[in-house]
Amino acid sequence: MKLTIDPAAIQWFRKEMDIKQGDAVRFFARMGGCSTVQSGFSLGIAKEQPKEIGVSTEEDGITFFIEKEDVWYLDNSELTVTYNAERDEIEFR
C-alpha cells in the first residue's frame, strides 16, 4: 500500500483546512458516497493527530495518514490524492 499526495493537493489542504507544517491529515473510511475502491463507502478527511498509523507519507512537513483500522479500504492498492483545478477540489485515485 502506498499513499501519494500531489503538490497541488497539499496547497488545497493548506488553503481549505488551514493545514500547516507539523499538522496531520487523516483519511478514513466512511459509509455512503461514491468510491471506485469499496462499494458503499467513501473517504472522509480530518485534521487530527494519528493514533495507530497503518500507512502514511510526510509531504512539506505535513503527515498524511490512514489509521490501521481503515487500511482495509485501500484493498492493498495505492491511494493518490490530486487536485482538480476546474472543480477546485481534491480527488482520490
N, C-alpha and C. Protein backbone atom coordinates (compact mmCIF):
# COMPACT_ATOMS: atom_id res chain seq x y z
N MET A 1 0.85 -1.18 0.00
CA MET A 1 0.00 0.00 0.00
C MET A 1 0.88 1.24 0.00
N LYS A 2 0.41 2.24 -0.71
CA LYS A 2 1.18 3.47 -0.81
C LYS A 2 0.21 4.66 -0.83
N LEU A 3 0.61 5.73 -0.18
CA LEU A 3 -0.17 6.96 -0.13
C LEU A 3 0.66 8.06 -0.77
N THR A 4 0.11 8.72 -1.81
CA THR A 4 0.81 9.78 -2.52
C THR A 4 -0.06 11.03 -2.55
N ILE A 5 0.54 12.16 -2.22
CA ILE A 5 -0.19 13.43 -2.22
C ILE A 5 0.46 14.35 -3.25
N ASP A 6 -0.32 14.79 -4.23
CA ASP A 6 0.15 15.70 -5.27
C ASP A 6 0.46 17.07 -4.65
N PRO A 7 1.53 17.75 -5.08
CA PRO A 7 1.86 19.07 -4.53
C PRO A 7 0.70 20.08 -4.60
N ALA A 8 -0.07 20.06 -5.67
CA ALA A 8 -1.22 20.98 -5.77
C ALA A 8 -2.29 20.64 -4.74
N ALA A 9 -2.42 19.35 -4.41
CA ALA A 9 -3.38 18.94 -3.37
C ALA A 9 -2.93 19.45 -2.01
N ILE A 10 -1.62 19.44 -1.77
CA ILE A 10 -1.10 19.96 -0.50
C ILE A 10 -1.49 21.42 -0.34
N GLN A 11 -1.38 22.19 -1.40
CA GLN A 11 -1.77 23.60 -1.33
C GLN A 11 -3.26 23.75 -1.06
N TRP A 12 -4.08 22.85 -1.61
CA TRP A 12 -5.52 22.86 -1.33
C TRP A 12 -5.77 22.64 0.16
N PHE A 13 -5.07 21.66 0.75
CA PHE A 13 -5.23 21.39 2.19
C PHE A 13 -4.82 22.60 3.01
N ARG A 14 -3.74 23.25 2.62
CA ARG A 14 -3.28 24.44 3.35
C ARG A 14 -4.35 25.54 3.31
N LYS A 15 -4.95 25.73 2.15
CA LYS A 15 -5.94 26.79 1.97
C LYS A 15 -7.29 26.44 2.60
N GLU A 16 -7.82 25.28 2.29
CA GLU A 16 -9.17 24.90 2.71
C GLU A 16 -9.28 24.43 4.15
N MET A 17 -8.23 23.81 4.67
CA MET A 17 -8.30 23.25 6.02
C MET A 17 -7.32 23.91 6.98
N ASP A 18 -6.65 24.97 6.53
CA ASP A 18 -5.69 25.70 7.35
C ASP A 18 -4.61 24.76 7.91
N ILE A 19 -4.12 23.87 7.06
CA ILE A 19 -3.09 22.91 7.44
C ILE A 19 -1.72 23.59 7.38
N LYS A 20 -0.92 23.35 8.42
CA LYS A 20 0.42 23.94 8.49
C LYS A 20 1.45 22.85 8.77
N GLN A 21 2.73 23.19 8.65
CA GLN A 21 3.78 22.24 8.99
C GLN A 21 3.56 21.75 10.41
N GLY A 22 3.74 20.45 10.60
CA GLY A 22 3.54 19.84 11.92
C GLY A 22 2.15 19.27 12.11
N ASP A 23 1.20 19.66 11.25
CA ASP A 23 -0.17 19.13 11.34
C ASP A 23 -0.24 17.75 10.69
N ALA A 24 -1.36 17.09 10.91
CA ALA A 24 -1.60 15.78 10.31
C ALA A 24 -3.01 15.75 9.72
N VAL A 25 -3.14 15.04 8.60
CA VAL A 25 -4.42 14.89 7.92
C VAL A 25 -4.74 13.41 7.83
N ARG A 26 -5.89 13.05 8.36
CA ARG A 26 -6.31 11.65 8.36
C ARG A 26 -7.33 11.42 7.25
N PHE A 27 -7.15 10.33 6.51
CA PHE A 27 -8.14 9.85 5.56
C PHE A 27 -8.78 8.63 6.21
N PHE A 28 -10.10 8.58 6.23
CA PHE A 28 -10.78 7.47 6.90
C PHE A 28 -11.98 6.98 6.09
N ALA A 29 -12.28 5.70 6.27
CA ALA A 29 -13.42 5.09 5.58
C ALA A 29 -14.71 5.53 6.27
N ARG A 30 -15.69 5.88 5.45
CA ARG A 30 -16.99 6.24 5.99
C ARG A 30 -18.08 5.61 5.11
N MET A 31 -19.19 5.31 5.70
CA MET A 31 -20.29 4.69 4.96
C MET A 31 -20.94 5.72 4.04
N GLY A 32 -21.33 5.26 2.85
CA GLY A 32 -22.01 6.13 1.90
C GLY A 32 -21.06 6.81 0.95
N GLY A 33 -21.62 7.44 -0.05
CA GLY A 33 -20.82 8.15 -1.03
C GLY A 33 -20.41 7.24 -2.17
N CYS A 34 -19.57 7.75 -3.02
CA CYS A 34 -19.11 7.00 -4.19
C CYS A 34 -17.63 6.68 -4.05
N SER A 35 -17.27 5.52 -4.53
CA SER A 35 -15.87 5.11 -4.48
C SER A 35 -15.60 4.11 -5.59
N THR A 36 -14.42 4.19 -6.16
CA THR A 36 -14.00 3.19 -7.13
C THR A 36 -13.28 2.04 -6.44
N VAL A 37 -13.10 2.15 -5.12
CA VAL A 37 -12.37 1.14 -4.37
C VAL A 37 -13.30 0.19 -3.62
N GLN A 38 -14.20 0.73 -2.81
CA GLN A 38 -15.09 -0.07 -1.98
C GLN A 38 -16.53 0.41 -2.16
N SER A 39 -17.37 -0.45 -2.66
CA SER A 39 -18.77 -0.12 -2.87
C SER A 39 -19.46 0.23 -1.54
N GLY A 40 -20.21 1.33 -1.55
CA GLY A 40 -20.96 1.74 -0.36
C GLY A 40 -20.18 2.55 0.64
N PHE A 41 -18.91 2.83 0.34
CA PHE A 41 -18.06 3.61 1.24
C PHE A 41 -17.37 4.73 0.46
N SER A 42 -16.89 5.71 1.19
CA SER A 42 -16.09 6.79 0.60
C SER A 42 -15.05 7.22 1.63
N LEU A 43 -14.19 8.13 1.24
CA LEU A 43 -13.14 8.61 2.16
C LEU A 43 -13.56 9.91 2.80
N GLY A 44 -13.35 10.00 4.09
CA GLY A 44 -13.52 11.24 4.83
C GLY A 44 -12.15 11.82 5.11
N ILE A 45 -12.11 13.09 5.50
CA ILE A 45 -10.85 13.79 5.79
C ILE A 45 -11.00 14.51 7.11
N ALA A 46 -9.97 14.43 7.96
CA ALA A 46 -10.00 15.16 9.23
C ALA A 46 -8.59 15.64 9.56
N LYS A 47 -8.52 16.80 10.17
CA LYS A 47 -7.25 17.34 10.67
C LYS A 47 -7.13 16.83 12.11
N GLU A 48 -6.28 15.82 12.29
CA GLU A 48 -6.09 15.25 13.63
C GLU A 48 -4.77 14.48 13.67
N GLN A 49 -4.28 14.30 14.87
CA GLN A 49 -3.03 13.57 15.05
C GLN A 49 -3.29 12.07 15.02
N PRO A 50 -2.34 11.30 14.51
CA PRO A 50 -2.53 9.85 14.41
C PRO A 50 -2.49 9.15 15.77
N LYS A 51 -3.18 8.01 15.80
CA LYS A 51 -3.15 7.14 16.99
C LYS A 51 -2.36 5.88 16.67
N GLU A 52 -2.76 5.19 15.58
CA GLU A 52 -2.09 3.96 15.18
C GLU A 52 -2.05 3.92 13.65
N ILE A 53 -0.98 4.45 13.09
CA ILE A 53 -0.86 4.61 11.64
C ILE A 53 -0.76 3.26 10.93
N GLY A 54 -1.56 3.13 9.87
CA GLY A 54 -1.48 1.96 9.01
C GLY A 54 -0.61 2.24 7.79
N VAL A 55 -0.79 3.41 7.20
CA VAL A 55 0.02 3.85 6.07
C VAL A 55 0.10 5.37 6.14
N SER A 56 1.25 5.93 5.78
CA SER A 56 1.40 7.39 5.85
C SER A 56 2.48 7.87 4.90
N THR A 57 2.46 9.18 4.72
CA THR A 57 3.53 9.86 3.99
C THR A 57 3.66 11.25 4.60
N GLU A 58 4.86 11.79 4.57
CA GLU A 58 5.06 13.16 5.03
C GLU A 58 5.45 14.00 3.82
N GLU A 59 4.70 15.05 3.60
CA GLU A 59 4.93 15.95 2.47
C GLU A 59 4.92 17.38 2.99
N ASP A 60 5.97 18.12 2.70
CA ASP A 60 6.05 19.54 3.06
C ASP A 60 5.80 19.76 4.56
N GLY A 61 6.27 18.83 5.40
CA GLY A 61 6.13 18.96 6.85
C GLY A 61 4.77 18.57 7.39
N ILE A 62 3.92 17.98 6.56
CA ILE A 62 2.57 17.56 6.95
C ILE A 62 2.49 16.05 6.85
N THR A 63 1.94 15.40 7.87
CA THR A 63 1.75 13.95 7.84
C THR A 63 0.35 13.66 7.31
N PHE A 64 0.28 12.88 6.25
CA PHE A 64 -0.98 12.40 5.69
C PHE A 64 -1.03 10.91 6.01
N PHE A 65 -2.16 10.43 6.54
CA PHE A 65 -2.17 9.04 7.01
C PHE A 65 -3.55 8.41 6.98
N ILE A 66 -3.52 7.09 7.09
CA ILE A 66 -4.72 6.27 7.28
C ILE A 66 -4.43 5.40 8.49
N GLU A 67 -5.35 5.37 9.44
CA GLU A 67 -5.18 4.54 10.63
C GLU A 67 -5.24 3.06 10.24
N LYS A 68 -4.64 2.21 11.07
CA LYS A 68 -4.66 0.76 10.83
C LYS A 68 -6.07 0.24 10.63
N GLU A 69 -7.01 0.76 11.41
CA GLU A 69 -8.40 0.27 11.34
C GLU A 69 -9.07 0.56 10.00
N ASP A 70 -8.51 1.46 9.20
CA ASP A 70 -9.12 1.83 7.92
C ASP A 70 -8.33 1.38 6.69
N VAL A 71 -7.21 0.69 6.86
CA VAL A 71 -6.42 0.29 5.69
C VAL A 71 -7.14 -0.72 4.81
N TRP A 72 -8.12 -1.43 5.34
CA TRP A 72 -8.90 -2.36 4.53
C TRP A 72 -9.52 -1.66 3.33
N TYR A 73 -9.84 -0.38 3.51
CA TYR A 73 -10.49 0.40 2.44
C TYR A 73 -9.64 0.43 1.16
N LEU A 74 -8.33 0.49 1.31
CA LEU A 74 -7.44 0.58 0.15
C LEU A 74 -7.34 -0.73 -0.62
N ASP A 75 -7.72 -1.83 0.00
CA ASP A 75 -7.69 -3.13 -0.67
C ASP A 75 -6.31 -3.40 -1.29
N ASN A 76 -5.26 -3.12 -0.51
CA ASN A 76 -3.86 -3.34 -0.92
C ASN A 76 -3.47 -2.57 -2.19
N SER A 77 -4.08 -1.44 -2.44
CA SER A 77 -3.71 -0.64 -3.61
C SER A 77 -3.14 0.70 -3.18
N GLU A 78 -2.81 1.51 -4.15
CA GLU A 78 -2.22 2.82 -3.91
C GLU A 78 -3.31 3.89 -3.91
N LEU A 79 -3.23 4.82 -2.98
CA LEU A 79 -4.14 5.96 -2.95
C LEU A 79 -3.35 7.20 -3.35
N THR A 80 -3.79 7.87 -4.40
CA THR A 80 -3.17 9.11 -4.83
C THR A 80 -4.20 10.22 -4.68
N VAL A 81 -3.80 11.29 -3.99
CA VAL A 81 -4.67 12.45 -3.79
C VAL A 81 -4.18 13.55 -4.71
N THR A 82 -5.07 13.99 -5.61
CA THR A 82 -4.73 15.03 -6.58
C THR A 82 -5.68 16.21 -6.42
N TYR A 83 -5.36 17.29 -7.12
CA TYR A 83 -6.19 18.49 -7.10
C TYR A 83 -6.79 18.70 -8.48
N ASN A 84 -8.10 18.93 -8.53
CA ASN A 84 -8.80 19.23 -9.77
C ASN A 84 -9.06 20.74 -9.78
N ALA A 85 -8.30 21.49 -10.57
CA ALA A 85 -8.41 22.95 -10.60
C ALA A 85 -9.76 23.41 -11.15
N GLU A 86 -10.30 22.68 -12.10
CA GLU A 86 -11.58 23.04 -12.68
C GLU A 86 -12.71 23.02 -11.64
N ARG A 87 -12.65 22.05 -10.74
CA ARG A 87 -13.67 21.92 -9.69
C ARG A 87 -13.24 22.56 -8.38
N ASP A 88 -11.96 22.92 -8.26
CA ASP A 88 -11.37 23.44 -7.03
C ASP A 88 -11.61 22.48 -5.86
N GLU A 89 -11.26 21.22 -6.09
CA GLU A 89 -11.40 20.22 -5.04
C GLU A 89 -10.36 19.11 -5.23
N ILE A 90 -10.17 18.35 -4.18
CA ILE A 90 -9.26 17.22 -4.29
C ILE A 90 -10.01 16.00 -4.80
N GLU A 91 -9.24 15.09 -5.39
CA GLU A 91 -9.80 13.85 -5.90
C GLU A 91 -8.93 12.70 -5.41
N PHE A 92 -9.57 11.55 -5.24
CA PHE A 92 -8.87 10.34 -4.81
C PHE A 92 -8.82 9.37 -5.98
N ARG A 93 -7.63 8.83 -6.23
CA ARG A 93 -7.46 7.85 -7.30
C ARG A 93 -6.75 6.63 -6.77
